[in-house]
Structure formats: structure tokens, C-alpha cells
C-alpha atoms as a PDB file:
ATOM      1  CA  UNK A   1     -33.970   6.058 -34.082  1.00  0.00           C
ATOM      2  CA  UNK A   2     -31.369   3.755 -34.654  1.00  0.00           C
ATOM      3  CA  UNK A   3     -28.790   5.971 -37.263  1.00  0.00           C
ATOM      4  CA  UNK A   4     -26.480   8.809 -36.511  1.00  0.00           C
ATOM      5  CA  UNK A   5     -27.889  12.285 -37.591  1.00  0.00           C
ATOM      6  CA  UNK A   6     -25.358  14.914 -39.392  1.00  0.00           C
ATOM      7  CA  UNK A   7     -26.447  17.794 -41.349  1.00  0.00           C
ATOM      8  CA  UNK A   8     -25.980  21.451 -42.032  1.00  0.00           C
ATOM      9  CA  UNK A   9     -28.815  23.682 -40.433  1.00  0.00           C
ATOM     10  CA  UNK A  10     -29.230  25.384 -44.354  1.00  0.00           C
ATOM     11  CA  UNK A  11     -29.771  21.904 -45.821  1.00  0.00           C
ATOM     12  CA  UNK A  12     -32.840  21.235 -43.481  1.00  0.00           C
ATOM     13  CA  UNK A  13     -36.128  21.956 -45.267  1.00  0.00           C
ATOM     14  CA  UNK A  14     -38.220  24.370 -42.995  1.00  0.00           C
ATOM     15  CA  UNK A  15     -42.152  24.631 -42.504  1.00  0.00           C
ATOM     16  CA  UNK A  16     -43.792  27.772 -41.907  1.00  0.00           C
ATOM     17  CA  UNK A  17     -46.180  28.544 -39.859  1.00  0.00           C
ATOM     18  CA  UNK A  18     -48.594  31.982 -39.433  1.00  0.00           C
ATOM     19  CA  UNK A  19     -51.933  31.315 -37.696  1.00  0.00           C
ATOM     20  CA  UNK A  20     -52.073  34.672 -35.994  1.00  0.00           C
ATOM     21  CA  UNK A  21     -50.791  38.397 -36.358  1.00  0.00           C
ATOM     22  CA  UNK A  22     -48.692  37.922 -33.640  1.00  0.00           C
ATOM     23  CA  UNK A  23     -47.047  34.446 -33.981  1.00  0.00           C
ATOM     24  CA  UNK A  24     -45.308  33.277 -37.060  1.00  0.00           C
ATOM     25  CA  UNK A  25     -42.080  31.294 -37.623  1.00  0.00           C
ATOM     26  CA  UNK A  26     -40.397  28.657 -39.847  1.00  0.00           C
ATOM     27  CA  UNK A  27     -38.802  25.373 -37.984  1.00  0.00           C
ATOM     28  CA  UNK A  28     -36.408  23.042 -39.344  1.00  0.00           C
ATOM     29  CA  UNK A  29     -36.621  19.914 -37.263  1.00  0.00           C
ATOM     30  CA  UNK A  30     -33.291  17.986 -36.802  1.00  0.00           C
ATOM     31  CA  UNK A  31     -34.709  15.349 -34.578  1.00  0.00           C
ATOM     32  CA  UNK A  32     -38.292  15.731 -35.296  1.00  0.00           C
ATOM     33  CA  UNK A  33     -41.203  14.259 -32.434  1.00  0.00           C
ATOM     34  CA  UNK A  34     -40.917  10.850 -32.728  1.00  0.00           C
ATOM     35  CA  UNK A  35     -37.596  10.326 -34.377  1.00  0.00           C
ATOM     36  CA  UNK A  36     -35.591   9.933 -30.714  1.00  0.00           C
ATOM     37  CA  UNK A  37     -36.794   8.548 -27.854  1.00  0.00           C
ATOM     38  CA  UNK A  38     -36.062  11.239 -25.283  1.00  0.00           C
ATOM     39  CA  UNK A  39     -35.485  14.468 -27.321  1.00  0.00           C
ATOM     40  CA  UNK A  40     -36.595  16.591 -30.098  1.00  0.00           C
ATOM     41  CA  UNK A  41     -34.306  19.574 -31.555  1.00  0.00           C
ATOM     42  CA  UNK A  42     -35.218  22.209 -34.158  1.00  0.00           C
ATOM     43  CA  UNK A  43     -33.776  25.314 -35.714  1.00  0.00           C
ATOM     44  CA  UNK A  44     -36.383  28.466 -35.181  1.00  0.00           C
ATOM     45  CA  UNK A  45     -36.638  31.490 -37.569  1.00  0.00           C
ATOM     46  CA  UNK A  46     -38.696  33.962 -35.867  1.00  0.00           C
ATOM     47  CA  UNK A  47     -39.541  37.201 -38.286  1.00  0.00           C
ATOM     48  CA  UNK A  48     -39.246  40.934 -36.947  1.00  0.00           C
ATOM     49  CA  UNK A  49     -41.754  41.569 -34.417  1.00  0.00           C
ATOM     50  CA  UNK A  50     -43.247  38.242 -34.052  1.00  0.00           C
ATOM     51  CA  UNK A  51     -43.098  35.058 -31.711  1.00  0.00           C
ATOM     52  CA  UNK A  52     -42.762  31.619 -31.901  1.00  0.00           C
ATOM     53  CA  UNK A  53     -45.537  30.965 -29.602  1.00  0.00           C
ATOM     54  CA  UNK A  54     -47.432  32.745 -26.766  1.00  0.00           C
ATOM     55  CA  UNK A  55     -45.997  32.844 -23.372  1.00  0.00           C
ATOM     56  CA  UNK A  56     -46.107  29.369 -21.545  1.00  0.00           C
ATOM     57  CA  UNK A  57     -44.714  26.579 -19.585  1.00  0.00           C
ATOM     58  CA  UNK A  58     -44.404  22.926 -19.483  1.00  0.00           C
ATOM     59  CA  UNK A  59     -45.188  20.385 -16.668  1.00  0.00           C
ATOM     60  CA  UNK A  60     -42.833  17.794 -18.075  1.00  0.00           C
ATOM     61  CA  UNK A  61     -41.307  18.889 -21.081  1.00  0.00           C
ATOM     62  CA  UNK A  62     -37.970  21.051 -20.191  1.00  0.00           C
ATOM     63  CA  UNK A  63     -36.208  23.258 -22.812  1.00  0.00           C
ATOM     64  CA  UNK A  64     -32.723  24.893 -23.900  1.00  0.00           C
ATOM     65  CA  UNK A  65     -32.539  27.630 -26.769  1.00  0.00           C
ATOM     66  CA  UNK A  66     -29.366  28.627 -28.350  1.00  0.00           C
ATOM     67  CA  UNK A  67     -29.868  31.800 -29.868  1.00  0.00           C
ATOM     68  CA  UNK A  68     -28.031  31.820 -33.138  1.00  0.00           C
ATOM     69  CA  UNK A  69     -28.272  35.153 -34.801  1.00  0.00           C
ATOM     70  CA  UNK A  70     -30.332  38.117 -33.809  1.00  0.00           C
ATOM     71  CA  UNK A  71     -32.087  39.418 -30.415  1.00  0.00           C
ATOM     72  CA  UNK A  72     -35.042  39.269 -28.872  1.00  0.00           C
ATOM     73  CA  UNK A  73     -37.193  39.861 -25.741  1.00  0.00           C
ATOM     74  CA  UNK A  74     -37.801  36.883 -23.253  1.00  0.00           C
ATOM     75  CA  UNK A  75     -40.521  37.405 -21.203  1.00  0.00           C
ATOM     76  CA  UNK A  76     -40.345  35.282 -18.078  1.00  0.00           C
ATOM     77  CA  UNK A  77     -41.536  35.128 -14.488  1.00  0.00           C
ATOM     78  CA  UNK A  78     -39.298  37.970 -13.324  1.00  0.00           C
ATOM     79  CA  UNK A  79     -40.186  40.126 -16.159  1.00  0.00           C
ATOM     80  CA  UNK A  80     -38.659  41.016 -19.400  1.00  0.00           C
ATOM     81  CA  UNK A  81     -34.861  40.486 -20.821  1.00  0.00           C
ATOM     82  CA  UNK A  82     -32.886  41.200 -24.093  1.00  0.00           C
ATOM     83  CA  UNK A  83     -31.347  37.936 -25.498  1.00  0.00           C
ATOM     84  CA  UNK A  84     -28.833  37.711 -28.367  1.00  0.00           C
ATOM     85  CA  UNK A  85     -26.664  35.461 -30.428  1.00  0.00           C
ATOM     86  CA  UNK A  86     -24.305  33.512 -28.016  1.00  0.00           C
ATOM     87  CA  UNK A  87     -26.825  33.299 -25.248  1.00  0.00           C
ATOM     88  CA  UNK A  88     -27.712  29.840 -23.725  1.00  0.00           C
ATOM     89  CA  UNK A  89     -31.292  29.297 -21.838  1.00  0.00           C
ATOM     90  CA  UNK A  90     -32.677  26.709 -20.201  1.00  0.00           C
ATOM     91  CA  UNK A  91     -36.003  26.592 -19.266  1.00  0.00           C
ATOM     92  CA  UNK A  92     -37.508  24.212 -16.133  1.00  0.00           C
ATOM     93  CA  UNK A  93     -40.583  22.259 -16.541  1.00  0.00           C
ATOM     94  CA  UNK A  94     -42.761  24.178 -13.804  1.00  0.00           C
ATOM     95  CA  UNK A  95     -44.147  27.733 -13.361  1.00  0.00           C
ATOM     96  CA  UNK A  96     -41.062  29.129 -13.113  1.00  0.00           C
ATOM     97  CA  UNK A  97     -39.630  28.137 -16.556  1.00  0.00           C
ATOM     98  CA  UNK A  98     -42.625  30.283 -18.161  1.00  0.00           C
ATOM     99  CA  UNK A  99     -41.262  31.620 -21.248  1.00  0.00           C
ATOM    100  CA  UNK A 100     -42.098  33.673 -24.659  1.00  0.00           C
ATOM    101  CA  UNK A 101     -39.309  34.641 -26.861  1.00  0.00           C
ATOM    102  CA  UNK A 102     -39.979  37.842 -29.437  1.00  0.00           C
ATOM    103  CA  UNK A 103     -37.787  39.004 -31.890  1.00  0.00           C
ATOM    104  CA  UNK A 104     -37.448  42.933 -30.846  1.00  0.00           C
ATOM    105  CA  UNK A 105     -35.538  43.515 -34.590  1.00  0.00           C
ATOM    106  CA  UNK A 106     -37.461  45.805 -37.446  1.00  0.00           C
ATOM    107  CA  UNK A 107     -35.385  44.126 -39.980  1.00  0.00           C
ATOM    108  CA  UNK A 108     -33.551  40.727 -39.047  1.00  0.00           C
ATOM    109  CA  UNK A 109     -34.300  37.360 -38.110  1.00  0.00           C
ATOM    110  CA  UNK A 110     -33.929  35.624 -34.992  1.00  0.00           C
ATOM    111  CA  UNK A 111     -32.468  32.024 -35.555  1.00  0.00           C
ATOM    112  CA  UNK A 112     -32.422  29.704 -32.409  1.00  0.00           C
ATOM    113  CA  UNK A 113     -31.726  26.257 -32.031  1.00  0.00           C
ATOM    114  CA  UNK A 114     -34.387  24.769 -29.515  1.00  0.00           C
ATOM    115  CA  UNK A 115     -33.684  21.315 -27.700  1.00  0.00           C
ATOM    116  CA  UNK A 116     -36.591  19.689 -25.857  1.00  0.00           C
ATOM    117  CA  UNK A 117     -36.985  16.791 -23.869  1.00  0.00           C
ATOM    118  CA  UNK A 118     -40.125  14.312 -25.027  1.00  0.00           C
ATOM    119  CA  UNK A 119     -42.396  12.661 -22.362  1.00  0.00           C
ATOM    120  CA  UNK A 120     -44.951  10.471 -23.599  1.00  0.00           C
ATOM    121  CA  UNK A 121     -47.552  13.075 -22.569  1.00  0.00           C
ATOM    122  CA  UNK A 122     -46.941  16.891 -21.195  1.00  0.00           C
ATOM    123  CA  UNK A 123     -49.458  19.562 -20.202  1.00  0.00           C
ATOM    124  CA  UNK A 124     -48.305  23.242 -21.124  1.00  0.00           C
ATOM    125  CA  UNK A 125     -50.045  26.485 -19.149  1.00  0.00           C
ATOM    126  CA  UNK A 126     -50.581  29.490 -20.918  1.00  0.00           C
ATOM    127  CA  UNK A 127     -50.773  32.054 -17.756  1.00  0.00           C
ATOM    128  CA  UNK A 128     -51.652  35.250 -19.791  1.00  0.00           C
ATOM    129  CA  UNK A 129     -54.640  33.621 -21.493  1.00  0.00           C
ATOM    130  CA  UNK A 130     -56.035  31.122 -18.733  1.00  0.00           C
ATOM    131  CA  UNK A 131     -55.374  27.787 -21.474  1.00  0.00           C
ATOM    132  CA  UNK A 132     -54.049  24.839 -20.745  1.00  0.00           C
ATOM    133  CA  UNK A 133     -52.588  22.265 -23.417  1.00  0.00           C
ATOM    134  CA  UNK A 134     -51.808  18.559 -23.362  1.00  0.00           C
ATOM    135  CA  UNK A 135     -49.828  17.059 -25.973  1.00  0.00           C
ATOM    136  CA  UNK A 136     -48.724  13.319 -26.128  1.00  0.00           C
ATOM    137  CA  UNK A 137     -48.417  10.630 -29.148  1.00  0.00           C
ATOM    138  CA  UNK A 138     -52.457  10.925 -30.168  1.00  0.00           C
ATOM    139  CA  UNK A 139     -53.539  13.939 -28.116  1.00  0.00           C
ATOM    140  CA  UNK A 140     -53.122  17.428 -29.006  1.00  0.00           C
ATOM    141  CA  UNK A 141     -55.771  19.879 -27.248  1.00  0.00           C
ATOM    142  CA  UNK A 142     -56.149  23.192 -25.906  1.00  0.00           C
ATOM    143  CA  UNK A 143     -58.890  23.765 -22.880  1.00  0.00           C
ATOM    144  CA  UNK A 144     -59.758  26.540 -20.718  1.00  0.00           C
ATOM    145  CA  UNK A 145     -58.474  26.132 -16.883  1.00  0.00           C
ATOM    146  CA  UNK A 146     -61.588  27.641 -15.734  1.00  0.00           C
ATOM    147  CA  UNK A 147     -63.613  24.823 -17.288  1.00  0.00           C
ATOM    148  CA  UNK A 148     -63.280  22.892 -13.725  1.00  0.00           C
ATOM    149  CA  UNK A 149     -65.841  19.189 -13.867  1.00  0.00           C
ATOM    150  CA  UNK A 150     -66.464  17.334 -10.667  1.00  0.00           C
ATOM    151  CA  UNK A 151     -64.229  14.290 -11.267  1.00  0.00           C
ATOM    152  CA  UNK A 152     -67.665  11.676 -11.804  1.00  0.00           C
ATOM    153  CA  UNK A 153     -69.399  13.961 -14.070  1.00  0.00           C
ATOM    154  CA  UNK A 154     -70.949  11.867 -16.816  1.00  0.00           C
ATOM    155  CA  UNK A 155     -70.120   8.905 -15.164  1.00  0.00           C
END
């Protein structure tokens, strides 16, 4: 990216995703994946009683959330805690950074700014369900962790 970006949050066109009854969001990409070398920045709007993503952690990409408005329940390895407007949250790239943010309101939208590092490949683990996701430039795959194979299988 060779240009400075400047816009207002309300001027960014969002994309909604609702593929599961527990998970739903509207995502406004300010610095979309592939635009910058090392960061991705998005604004998430989470409807009442929904989460954007399941409980997970990354092995390469770090994340920072800034809660703009609303409140939510943040699930971490240390338990659950209430978060609200003005809170800054950092998630390291390891199992201690596992997280899931759920809008706990019955009426208000939870809005947060999400800053992510961008690595050429990242692996995300989903401790509650035993899944593993592999993300990269040309890969976006989900597997079950317990499907271990020998290094030389199929060679």
C-alpha cells in the first residue's frame, strides 16, 4: 500500500455474515487483508446476543480490540469478564490469547475496532471444538485436531 487512508467509519461499506445461529456480524474493512504488508484493520458490529467468531486463538497473528460502543462478555482462558465502550483488549498469538467476544445486550449493537497483525501463514485453534484452521494467502482450511497422520502417509 502506498497511500495514506483516511475515512469515517460510517462511510465504510460493511459486509454482513450470518452462517450460524450463534454467530453474526457486519464487518467494515478499513485496511483489508492484502492491502498492507503487516496489518489488517476492521470495524465489527455485533448484533445483540451474537458473537463474531467461536472461541479461538492464533499462533502467529496478534489482535487488539477497541470497544467503541456497547458491551459484551469476553471469554478467555481465565474465565469470562464484562467489557464495554472504551476498553482496549490485546490477544497474544498463543493459547493464553484465546478469546470470544459476545454481545450481551438484548437491544444494542456492540461495535469494536479490530487491529490484526498479518503473517503469511497463521494457524488458529478452537479449544471448545477441537478444530484447527490454517489461513494464508492461498489457503483457508479447517480440520479436526485429532485427525493425526504419520508424516510419511501417502508419500
